[in-house]
Amino acid sequence: QIAFEPDKITSKQVLAEKNAELRRVMIERMGYLRFSQEVGAKTLDEDTDAGGKRQLLRIEMADDEPLVGLACRCPSTDRQYFLRVPPTIETCHQAAAWMAGFEDPTLYRPQIET
C-alpha cells in the first residue's frame, strides 16, 4: 500500500504507526498537504506572497517533534507545496527566510522570487 497505493494511506494509519521512519515515509507518500488537511493541522500564521496565500501549519505528533511546514503555491507552475521547517518557526515570513538561508528574517526582503 505505501509503495503502490499511497492514495489509500490514511492519516489514522500514519498516526497509529510507532516506527518514526515508517511514519515519515507514509506522510511523504500520501503527501504533506493531504496529511495536514486530514489531521486538522493548526494554522500558526497566514500571509500572502507572489504565489498568493500561504500558511504556516503545525501538526502535533505523539512521541516525536511537531511537524511544521509552510503551505504555499508556486506562481509559475500553480503547484501547491508543503515545505517543512524547524518547529521553532513562528511566521510564514520567518519560514521563507529560513528556507532562503537567512538566520535573521528581518534581512529577508525579496523584491521578486523566481
Protein backbone atom coordinates (compact mmCIF):
# COMPACT_ATOMS: atom_id res chain seq x y z
CA GLN A 1 0.00 0.00 0.00
CA ILE A 2 2.73 2.50 0.91
CA ALA A 3 4.71 1.92 -2.28
CA PHE A 4 1.99 1.26 -4.83
CA GLU A 5 -1.22 2.79 -3.48
CA PRO A 6 -0.25 5.90 -1.49
CA ASP A 7 -3.70 7.40 -2.12
CA LYS A 8 -5.13 4.69 0.17
CA ILE A 9 -2.93 5.66 3.14
CA THR A 10 -4.96 7.40 5.82
CA SER A 11 -3.88 9.85 8.48
CA LYS A 12 -5.27 7.42 11.05
CA GLN A 13 -2.80 4.76 9.83
CA VAL A 14 0.06 7.26 9.97
CA LEU A 15 -0.75 8.38 13.50
CA ALA A 16 -1.03 4.75 14.66
CA GLU A 17 2.41 3.84 13.26
CA LYS A 18 5.01 3.53 16.05
CA ASN A 19 8.10 3.48 13.81
CA ALA A 20 9.09 7.13 13.20
CA GLU A 21 10.90 6.42 9.91
CA LEU A 22 7.99 4.44 8.50
CA ARG A 23 5.63 7.21 9.66
CA ARG A 24 7.78 9.77 7.80
CA VAL A 25 7.70 7.68 4.61
CA MET A 26 3.93 7.24 4.89
CA ILE A 27 3.44 11.01 5.20
CA GLU A 28 5.71 11.65 2.21
CA ARG A 29 3.87 9.09 0.10
CA MET A 30 0.38 10.37 0.99
CA GLY A 31 1.53 13.98 0.70
CA TYR A 32 2.11 16.54 3.44
CA LEU A 33 -0.77 18.74 2.28
CA ARG A 34 -3.30 15.91 2.33
CA PHE A 35 -1.99 14.70 5.69
CA SER A 36 -2.21 18.20 7.18
CA GLN A 37 -5.81 18.57 5.94
CA GLU A 38 -6.89 15.15 7.25
CA VAL A 39 -5.47 15.68 10.73
CA GLY A 40 -6.68 19.27 11.02
CA ALA A 41 -3.31 20.99 11.26
CA LYS A 42 -3.21 24.12 13.41
CA THR A 43 -2.63 27.33 11.45
CA LEU A 44 0.13 29.30 13.19
CA ASP A 45 0.27 32.16 10.68
CA GLU A 46 -1.08 33.30 7.31
CA ASP A 47 0.14 35.88 4.84
CA THR A 48 0.45 36.49 1.10
CA ASP A 49 3.40 36.43 -1.27
CA ALA A 50 3.79 36.42 -5.08
CA GLY A 51 2.23 32.95 -5.20
CA GLY A 52 -0.78 34.02 -3.18
CA LYS A 53 -1.92 32.93 0.26
CA ARG A 54 0.48 30.90 2.34
CA GLN A 55 0.02 29.27 5.74
CA LEU A 56 2.37 28.07 8.43
CA LEU A 57 0.89 24.80 9.70
CA ARG A 58 1.70 22.74 12.79
CA ILE A 59 0.82 19.12 13.50
CA GLU A 60 1.49 17.67 16.94
CA MET A 61 3.00 14.19 16.67
CA ALA A 62 2.91 11.72 19.57
CA ASP A 63 6.40 10.58 20.59
CA ASP A 64 8.05 12.90 18.03
CA GLU A 65 8.69 16.59 17.44
CA PRO A 66 5.85 18.61 15.91
CA LEU A 67 5.64 18.69 12.14
CA VAL A 68 5.71 22.33 10.99
CA GLY A 69 5.61 23.45 7.38
CA LEU A 70 4.84 26.31 5.03
CA ALA A 71 1.90 25.57 2.74
CA CYS A 72 2.35 27.72 -0.36
CA ARG A 73 1.81 27.85 -4.12
CA CYS A 74 4.38 28.34 -6.88
CA PRO A 75 3.15 31.26 -9.03
CA SER A 76 4.73 29.94 -12.24
CA THR A 77 3.53 26.31 -12.05
CA ASP A 78 0.49 26.79 -9.78
CA ARG A 79 1.68 23.74 -7.84
CA GLN A 80 0.91 23.52 -4.11
CA TYR A 81 3.74 22.72 -1.70
CA PHE A 82 4.20 21.90 1.96
CA LEU A 83 7.76 22.83 2.84
CA ARG A 84 8.91 21.51 6.18
CA VAL A 85 10.67 23.92 8.55
CA PRO A 86 12.02 23.65 12.11
CA PRO A 87 9.30 23.54 14.79
CA THR A 88 10.64 26.78 16.31
CA ILE A 89 9.49 28.82 13.28
CA GLU A 90 6.53 31.07 14.14
CA THR A 91 5.61 33.02 10.97
CA CYS A 92 5.35 32.46 7.23
CA HIS A 93 7.95 35.17 6.63
CA GLN A 94 10.34 33.56 9.10
CA ALA A 95 9.83 30.19 7.35
CA ALA A 96 10.56 31.68 3.91
CA ALA A 97 13.63 33.46 5.28
CA TRP A 98 14.90 30.25 6.87
CA MET A 99 14.48 28.37 3.56
CA ALA A 100 16.43 31.12 1.79
CA GLY A 101 19.28 30.76 4.29
CA PHE A 102 18.65 33.85 6.42
CA GLU A 103 19.21 33.49 10.16
CA ASP A 104 17.69 36.94 10.73
CA PRO A 105 14.27 37.12 9.00
CA THR A 106 14.31 40.94 9.09
CA LEU A 107 17.10 40.81 6.48
CA TYR A 108 14.98 38.73 4.10
CA ARG A 109 13.23 41.21 1.79
CA PRO A 110 12.87 39.67 -1.68
CA GLN A 111 11.96 42.05 -4.48
CA ILE A 112 10.91 39.20 -6.74
CA GLU A 113 11.02 35.43 -6.43
CA THR A 114 11.52 33.08 -9.35
